[in-house]
């Protein structure tokens, strides 16, 4: 099996979030706005990995999580959702541009060196038995 890229491992770690139907879609969209704001802060701070992850979280919530909400099919939410889907398109472009940079920044700790072979512990001779 080929090794996964660092960006693939980051996105796999995030996974799809379960939806809570008790929370209104309005709150979810506010959370999405916060995720976009975080992404902008990471971008200006030069934190490429967290910028990529924040964009991924935003797109994941919009495209995978929110459609499972019980109120999602209501017309008022469809109009709002379409606006956010357009934002996702620009996020995809940014994520594609960041992907190569993120993969180049893979932490050295994730590349496991081969375990050193340690010599066996010396065996002590048994003490002589005294009669």
N, C-alpha and C. Protein backbone atom coordinates (compact mmCIF):
# COMPACT_ATOMS: atom_id res chain seq x y z
N UNK A 1 0.85 -1.18 0.00
CA UNK A 1 0.00 0.00 0.00
C UNK A 1 0.90 1.24 0.00
N UNK A 2 0.69 2.18 -0.93
CA UNK A 2 1.55 3.36 -0.98
C UNK A 2 1.31 4.26 0.23
N UNK A 3 2.37 4.96 0.61
CA UNK A 3 2.27 5.87 1.76
C UNK A 3 1.37 7.05 1.42
N UNK A 4 0.57 7.46 2.39
CA UNK A 4 -0.33 8.60 2.18
C UNK A 4 0.46 9.89 2.33
N UNK A 5 0.02 10.91 1.62
CA UNK A 5 0.64 12.22 1.75
C UNK A 5 0.22 12.83 3.08
N UNK A 6 0.97 13.81 3.52
CA UNK A 6 0.68 14.49 4.78
C UNK A 6 -0.70 15.14 4.74
N UNK A 7 -1.04 15.77 3.62
CA UNK A 7 -2.35 16.42 3.52
C UNK A 7 -3.48 15.39 3.59
N UNK A 8 -3.27 14.22 3.02
CA UNK A 8 -4.29 13.16 3.09
C UNK A 8 -4.48 12.67 4.52
N UNK A 9 -3.38 12.56 5.25
CA UNK A 9 -3.50 12.12 6.64
C UNK A 9 -4.18 13.18 7.50
N UNK A 10 -3.91 14.46 7.21
CA UNK A 10 -4.57 15.54 7.96
C UNK A 10 -6.08 15.50 7.75
N UNK A 11 -6.50 15.35 6.50
CA UNK A 11 -7.94 15.35 6.21
C UNK A 11 -8.61 14.08 6.73
N UNK A 12 -7.91 12.95 6.68
CA UNK A 12 -8.48 11.71 7.20
C UNK A 12 -8.66 11.80 8.71
N UNK A 13 -7.77 12.50 9.37
CA UNK A 13 -7.86 12.66 10.82
C UNK A 13 -9.09 13.47 11.21
N UNK A 14 -9.47 14.42 10.36
CA UNK A 14 -10.62 15.28 10.66
C UNK A 14 -11.93 14.51 10.61
N UNK A 15 -12.12 13.70 9.57
CA UNK A 15 -13.34 12.91 9.46
C UNK A 15 -14.60 13.75 9.30
N UNK A 16 -15.72 13.08 9.18
CA UNK A 16 -17.02 13.74 9.05
C UNK A 16 -17.62 13.89 10.44
N UNK A 17 -18.04 15.07 10.76
CA UNK A 17 -18.62 15.35 12.07
C UNK A 17 -20.09 14.93 12.08
N UNK A 18 -20.55 14.34 13.19
CA UNK A 18 -21.98 14.01 13.28
C UNK A 18 -22.81 15.28 13.45
N UNK A 19 -24.03 15.24 12.95
CA UNK A 19 -24.91 16.40 13.04
C UNK A 19 -25.78 16.28 14.29
N UNK A 20 -26.03 17.40 14.93
CA UNK A 20 -26.94 17.44 16.07
C UNK A 20 -28.15 18.24 15.63
N UNK A 21 -29.27 17.58 15.45
CA UNK A 21 -30.49 18.24 14.96
C UNK A 21 -31.09 19.22 15.96
N UNK A 22 -30.64 19.18 17.21
CA UNK A 22 -31.13 20.13 18.21
C UNK A 22 -30.49 21.51 18.04
N UNK A 23 -29.37 21.55 17.34
CA UNK A 23 -28.70 22.83 17.08
C UNK A 23 -29.22 23.37 15.76
N UNK A 24 -29.62 24.63 15.75
CA UNK A 24 -30.19 25.20 14.53
C UNK A 24 -29.11 25.36 13.46
N UNK A 25 -29.56 25.34 12.23
CA UNK A 25 -28.63 25.54 11.12
C UNK A 25 -27.98 26.91 11.18
N UNK A 26 -28.67 27.88 11.75
CA UNK A 26 -28.11 29.21 11.90
C UNK A 26 -26.80 29.16 12.69
N UNK A 27 -26.79 28.39 13.76
CA UNK A 27 -25.57 28.23 14.58
C UNK A 27 -24.47 27.54 13.79
N UNK A 28 -24.84 26.54 13.00
CA UNK A 28 -23.85 25.85 12.18
C UNK A 28 -23.22 26.81 11.16
N UNK A 29 -24.03 27.66 10.55
CA UNK A 29 -23.49 28.61 9.58
C UNK A 29 -22.61 29.66 10.26
N UNK A 30 -22.94 30.04 11.48
CA UNK A 30 -22.07 30.96 12.23
C UNK A 30 -20.73 30.28 12.53
N UNK A 31 -20.78 29.00 12.84
CA UNK A 31 -19.55 28.25 13.06
C UNK A 31 -18.71 28.21 11.79
N UNK A 32 -19.37 28.05 10.66
CA UNK A 32 -18.66 28.05 9.38
C UNK A 32 -17.99 29.40 9.12
N UNK A 33 -18.68 30.47 9.47
CA UNK A 33 -18.07 31.80 9.34
C UNK A 33 -16.83 31.91 10.22
N UNK A 34 -16.91 31.36 11.42
CA UNK A 34 -15.76 31.37 12.32
C UNK A 34 -14.60 30.57 11.75
N UNK A 35 -14.91 29.44 11.12
CA UNK A 35 -13.86 28.63 10.50
C UNK A 35 -13.16 29.40 9.37
N UNK A 36 -13.95 30.13 8.59
CA UNK A 36 -13.34 30.94 7.53
C UNK A 36 -12.47 32.06 8.11
N UNK A 37 -12.94 32.67 9.19
CA UNK A 37 -12.14 33.70 9.84
C UNK A 37 -10.83 33.12 10.38
N UNK A 38 -10.90 31.93 10.97
CA UNK A 38 -9.70 31.26 11.44
C UNK A 38 -8.74 31.01 10.29
N UNK A 39 -9.27 30.56 9.17
CA UNK A 39 -8.43 30.27 8.01
C UNK A 39 -7.70 31.53 7.56
N UNK A 40 -8.39 32.66 7.57
CA UNK A 40 -7.77 33.93 7.17
C UNK A 40 -6.65 34.30 8.14
N UNK A 41 -6.90 34.11 9.43
CA UNK A 41 -5.87 34.41 10.43
C UNK A 41 -4.65 33.52 10.24
N UNK A 42 -4.87 32.24 10.00
CA UNK A 42 -3.75 31.33 9.76
C UNK A 42 -3.00 31.71 8.49
N UNK A 43 -3.74 32.15 7.48
CA UNK A 43 -3.10 32.55 6.23
C UNK A 43 -2.18 33.75 6.46
N UNK A 44 -2.68 34.76 7.16
CA UNK A 44 -1.86 35.95 7.41
C UNK A 44 -0.72 35.66 8.38
N UNK A 45 -0.91 34.68 9.24
CA UNK A 45 0.14 34.29 10.18
C UNK A 45 1.18 33.37 9.56
N UNK A 46 0.93 32.92 8.34
CA UNK A 46 1.88 32.04 7.66
C UNK A 46 1.82 30.60 8.12
N UNK A 47 0.77 30.21 8.81
CA UNK A 47 0.61 28.83 9.29
C UNK A 47 -0.12 28.02 8.22
N UNK A 48 0.65 27.43 7.33
CA UNK A 48 0.09 26.76 6.16
C UNK A 48 -0.74 25.54 6.54
N UNK A 49 -0.25 24.74 7.49
CA UNK A 49 -0.95 23.51 7.86
C UNK A 49 -2.31 23.83 8.48
N UNK A 50 -2.35 24.73 9.45
CA UNK A 50 -3.64 25.07 10.08
C UNK A 50 -4.56 25.81 9.12
N UNK A 51 -4.00 26.57 8.19
CA UNK A 51 -4.81 27.23 7.16
C UNK A 51 -5.52 26.16 6.33
N UNK A 52 -4.77 25.15 5.90
CA UNK A 52 -5.32 24.05 5.11
C UNK A 52 -6.41 23.31 5.91
N UNK A 53 -6.13 23.01 7.18
CA UNK A 53 -7.08 22.26 8.01
C UNK A 53 -8.36 23.07 8.23
N UNK A 54 -8.24 24.37 8.48
CA UNK A 54 -9.44 25.21 8.69
C UNK A 54 -10.30 25.25 7.43
N UNK A 55 -9.66 25.36 6.27
CA UNK A 55 -10.42 25.35 5.01
C UNK A 55 -11.09 23.99 4.81
N UNK A 56 -10.38 22.92 5.15
CA UNK A 56 -10.96 21.58 5.01
C UNK A 56 -12.17 21.43 5.93
N UNK A 57 -12.05 21.88 7.17
CA UNK A 57 -13.17 21.78 8.11
C UNK A 57 -14.38 22.54 7.60
N UNK A 58 -14.14 23.74 7.07
CA UNK A 58 -15.24 24.55 6.53
C UNK A 58 -15.95 23.79 5.41
N UNK A 59 -15.19 23.31 4.44
CA UNK A 59 -15.82 22.62 3.30
C UNK A 59 -16.49 21.33 3.74
N UNK A 60 -15.92 20.65 4.71
CA UNK A 60 -16.51 19.40 5.20
C UNK A 60 -17.86 19.65 5.86
N UNK A 61 -17.93 20.69 6.69
CA UNK A 61 -19.20 21.00 7.36
C UNK A 61 -20.26 21.38 6.33
N UNK A 62 -19.89 22.23 5.38
CA UNK A 62 -20.86 22.70 4.38
C UNK A 62 -21.33 21.57 3.48
N UNK A 63 -20.42 20.75 2.98
CA UNK A 63 -20.78 19.77 1.95
C UNK A 63 -21.15 18.39 2.49
N UNK A 64 -20.65 18.02 3.67
CA UNK A 64 -20.91 16.67 4.16
C UNK A 64 -21.81 16.63 5.39
N UNK A 65 -21.65 17.58 6.29
CA UNK A 65 -22.38 17.53 7.56
C UNK A 65 -23.76 18.16 7.47
N UNK A 66 -23.83 19.41 7.01
CA UNK A 66 -25.10 20.14 7.03
C UNK A 66 -26.22 19.49 6.20
N UNK A 67 -25.94 18.86 5.07
CA UNK A 67 -27.04 18.23 4.33
C UNK A 67 -27.76 17.13 5.12
N UNK A 68 -27.18 16.66 6.21
CA UNK A 68 -27.82 15.62 7.02
C UNK A 68 -28.76 16.19 8.09
N UNK A 69 -28.79 17.51 8.23
CA UNK A 69 -29.64 18.14 9.25
C UNK A 69 -31.10 18.04 8.84
N UNK A 70 -31.98 17.85 9.82
CA UNK A 70 -33.41 17.66 9.52
C UNK A 70 -34.04 18.90 8.87
N UNK A 71 -33.54 20.10 9.17
CA UNK A 71 -34.11 21.34 8.62
C UNK A 71 -33.47 21.75 7.30
N UNK A 72 -32.52 20.98 6.84
CA UNK A 72 -31.74 21.38 5.67
C UNK A 72 -32.59 21.58 4.42
N UNK A 73 -33.63 20.83 4.24
CA UNK A 73 -34.43 20.88 3.01
C UNK A 73 -35.35 22.10 2.93
N UNK A 74 -35.48 22.83 4.02
CA UNK A 74 -36.34 24.02 4.01
C UNK A 74 -35.75 25.07 3.07
N UNK A 75 -36.64 25.76 2.36
CA UNK A 75 -36.21 26.69 1.31
C UNK A 75 -35.29 27.79 1.81
N UNK A 76 -35.55 28.32 2.99
CA UNK A 76 -34.72 29.42 3.51
C UNK A 76 -33.26 28.98 3.67
N UNK A 77 -33.06 27.72 4.06
CA UNK A 77 -31.70 27.23 4.26
C UNK A 77 -31.04 26.88 2.95
N UNK A 78 -31.81 26.51 1.95
CA UNK A 78 -31.24 26.19 0.65
C UNK A 78 -30.58 27.42 0.02
N UNK A 79 -31.22 28.57 0.17
CA UNK A 79 -30.65 29.80 -0.39
C UNK A 79 -29.33 30.14 0.30
N UNK A 80 -29.33 30.03 1.60
CA UNK A 80 -28.11 30.32 2.36
C UNK A 80 -27.02 29.30 2.01
N UNK A 81 -27.43 28.04 1.91
CA UNK A 81 -26.46 26.98 1.62
C UNK A 81 -25.80 27.18 0.26
N UNK A 82 -26.56 27.64 -0.71
CA UNK A 82 -25.99 27.88 -2.04
C UNK A 82 -24.91 28.95 -2.00
N UNK A 83 -25.09 29.97 -1.16
CA UNK A 83 -24.06 31.00 -1.00
C UNK A 83 -22.78 30.40 -0.42
N UNK A 84 -22.95 29.52 0.55
CA UNK A 84 -21.79 28.90 1.19
C UNK A 84 -21.10 27.90 0.25
N UNK A 85 -21.88 27.25 -0.59
CA UNK A 85 -21.27 26.33 -1.56
C UNK A 85 -20.37 27.09 -2.53
N UNK A 86 -20.76 28.31 -2.88
CA UNK A 86 -19.91 29.13 -3.75
C UNK A 86 -18.60 29.48 -3.05
N UNK A 87 -18.68 29.72 -1.74
CA UNK A 87 -17.46 29.99 -0.97
C UNK A 87 -16.56 28.75 -0.96
N UNK A 88 -17.18 27.57 -0.96
CA UNK A 88 -16.41 26.33 -0.97
C UNK A 88 -15.56 26.22 -2.23
N UNK A 89 -16.07 26.70 -3.35
CA UNK A 89 -15.30 26.62 -4.59
C UNK A 89 -13.99 27.38 -4.48
N UNK A 90 -14.03 28.57 -3.89
CA UNK A 90 -12.78 29.32 -3.73
C UNK A 90 -11.88 28.64 -2.70
N UNK A 91 -12.50 28.00 -1.70
CA UNK A 91 -11.70 27.27 -0.71
C UNK A 91 -10.98 26.08 -1.36
N UNK A 92 -11.65 25.41 -2.29
CA UNK A 92 -11.01 24.29 -2.97
C UNK A 92 -9.79 24.76 -3.75
N UNK A 93 -9.91 25.90 -4.40
CA UNK A 93 -8.77 26.44 -5.14
C UNK A 93 -7.60 26.73 -4.19
N UNK A 94 -7.90 27.34 -3.05
CA UNK A 94 -6.85 27.63 -2.07
C UNK A 94 -6.24 26.34 -1.53
N UNK A 95 -7.10 25.34 -1.25
CA UNK A 95 -6.60 24.08 -0.70
C UNK A 95 -5.69 23.37 -1.69
N UNK A 96 -6.05 23.40 -2.97
CA UNK A 96 -5.19 22.79 -3.99
C UNK A 96 -3.84 23.49 -4.05
N UNK A 97 -3.86 24.81 -3.94
CA UNK A 97 -2.60 25.56 -3.96
C UNK A 97 -1.76 25.26 -2.72
N UNK A 98 -2.41 25.03 -1.60
CA UNK A 98 -1.69 24.77 -0.35
C UNK A 98 -1.20 23.33 -0.22
N UNK A 99 -1.83 22.41 -0.95
CA UNK A 99 -1.55 20.99 -0.75
C UNK A 99 -0.07 20.64 -0.92
N UNK A 100 0.56 21.14 -1.97
CA UNK A 100 1.97 20.83 -2.20
C UNK A 100 2.84 21.40 -1.08
N UNK A 101 2.50 22.59 -0.64
CA UNK A 101 3.26 23.22 0.44
C UNK A 101 3.09 22.46 1.75
N UNK A 102 1.88 22.00 2.02
CA UNK A 102 1.61 21.23 3.24
C UNK A 102 2.38 19.91 3.20
N UNK A 103 2.36 19.24 2.06
CA UNK A 103 3.08 17.97 1.95
C UNK A 103 4.58 18.15 2.12
N UNK A 104 5.10 19.29 1.68
CA UNK A 104 6.54 19.56 1.84
C UNK A 104 6.90 19.83 3.29
N UNK A 105 5.93 20.25 4.10
CA UNK A 105 6.19 20.57 5.51
C UNK A 105 5.96 19.38 6.44
N UNK A 106 5.84 18.20 5.88
CA UNK A 106 5.56 17.02 6.70
C UNK A 106 6.55 16.93 7.85
N UNK A 107 6.05 16.79 9.07
CA UNK A 107 6.96 16.73 10.21
C UNK A 107 7.87 15.51 10.13
N UNK A 108 9.11 15.70 10.54
CA UNK A 108 10.07 14.61 10.51
C UNK A 108 9.65 13.48 11.45
N UNK A 109 8.89 13.80 12.48
CA UNK A 109 8.46 12.78 13.44
C UNK A 109 7.54 11.76 12.81
N UNK A 110 6.85 12.14 11.72
CA UNK A 110 5.93 11.18 11.11
C UNK A 110 6.67 10.16 10.25
N UNK A 111 7.91 10.46 9.90
CA UNK A 111 8.72 9.49 9.16
C UNK A 111 9.49 8.70 10.19
N UNK A 112 9.08 7.46 10.41
CA UNK A 112 9.67 6.63 11.45
C UNK A 112 10.96 6.00 10.96
N UNK A 113 12.09 6.29 11.61
CA UNK A 113 13.32 5.61 11.23
C UNK A 113 13.27 4.17 11.72
N UNK A 114 14.07 3.34 11.10
CA UNK A 114 14.12 1.95 11.52
C UNK A 114 14.65 1.88 12.94
N UNK A 115 14.09 0.99 13.72
CA UNK A 115 14.52 0.84 15.11
C UNK A 115 15.94 0.30 15.13
N UNK A 116 16.81 0.91 15.94
CA UNK A 116 18.19 0.42 15.99
C UNK A 116 18.22 -0.98 16.61
N UNK A 117 19.13 -1.78 16.12
CA UNK A 117 19.29 -3.12 16.65
C UNK A 117 20.21 -3.02 17.85
N UNK A 118 19.70 -3.42 18.99
CA UNK A 118 20.50 -3.35 20.21
C UNK A 118 21.11 -4.72 20.48
N UNK A 119 22.36 -4.73 20.88
CA UNK A 119 22.96 -6.03 21.18
C UNK A 119 22.31 -6.64 22.42
N UNK A 120 22.33 -7.94 22.48
CA UNK A 120 21.75 -8.63 23.62
C UNK A 120 22.55 -8.29 24.87
N UNK A 121 21.88 -8.27 25.99
CA UNK A 121 22.56 -7.99 27.26
C UNK A 121 23.52 -9.13 27.58
N UNK A 122 24.68 -8.77 28.12
CA UNK A 122 25.63 -9.85 28.43
C UNK A 122 25.07 -10.77 29.52
N UNK A 123 25.38 -12.02 29.40
CA UNK A 123 24.91 -13.02 30.36
C UNK A 123 25.98 -13.17 31.43
N UNK A 124 25.58 -13.04 32.68
CA UNK A 124 26.53 -13.21 33.78
C UNK A 124 26.65 -14.70 34.11
N UNK A 125 27.85 -15.10 34.34
CA UNK A 125 28.00 -16.50 34.76
C UNK A 125 27.39 -16.68 36.16
N UNK A 126 26.87 -17.85 36.38
CA UNK A 126 26.26 -18.13 37.68
C UNK A 126 27.35 -18.17 38.75
N UNK A 127 27.02 -17.71 39.92
CA UNK A 127 27.98 -17.74 41.02
C UNK A 127 28.22 -19.19 41.43
N UNK A 128 29.45 -19.51 41.79
CA UNK A 128 29.71 -20.90 42.21
C UNK A 128 28.92 -21.24 43.48
N UNK A 129 28.51 -22.45 43.54
CA UNK A 129 27.73 -22.92 44.69
C UNK A 129 28.72 -23.36 45.77
N UNK A 130 28.57 -22.87 46.99
CA UNK A 130 29.45 -23.24 48.09
C UNK A 130 28.81 -24.36 48.90
N UNK A 131 29.60 -25.39 49.19
CA UNK A 131 29.03 -26.49 50.00
C UNK A 131 28.92 -26.20 51.45
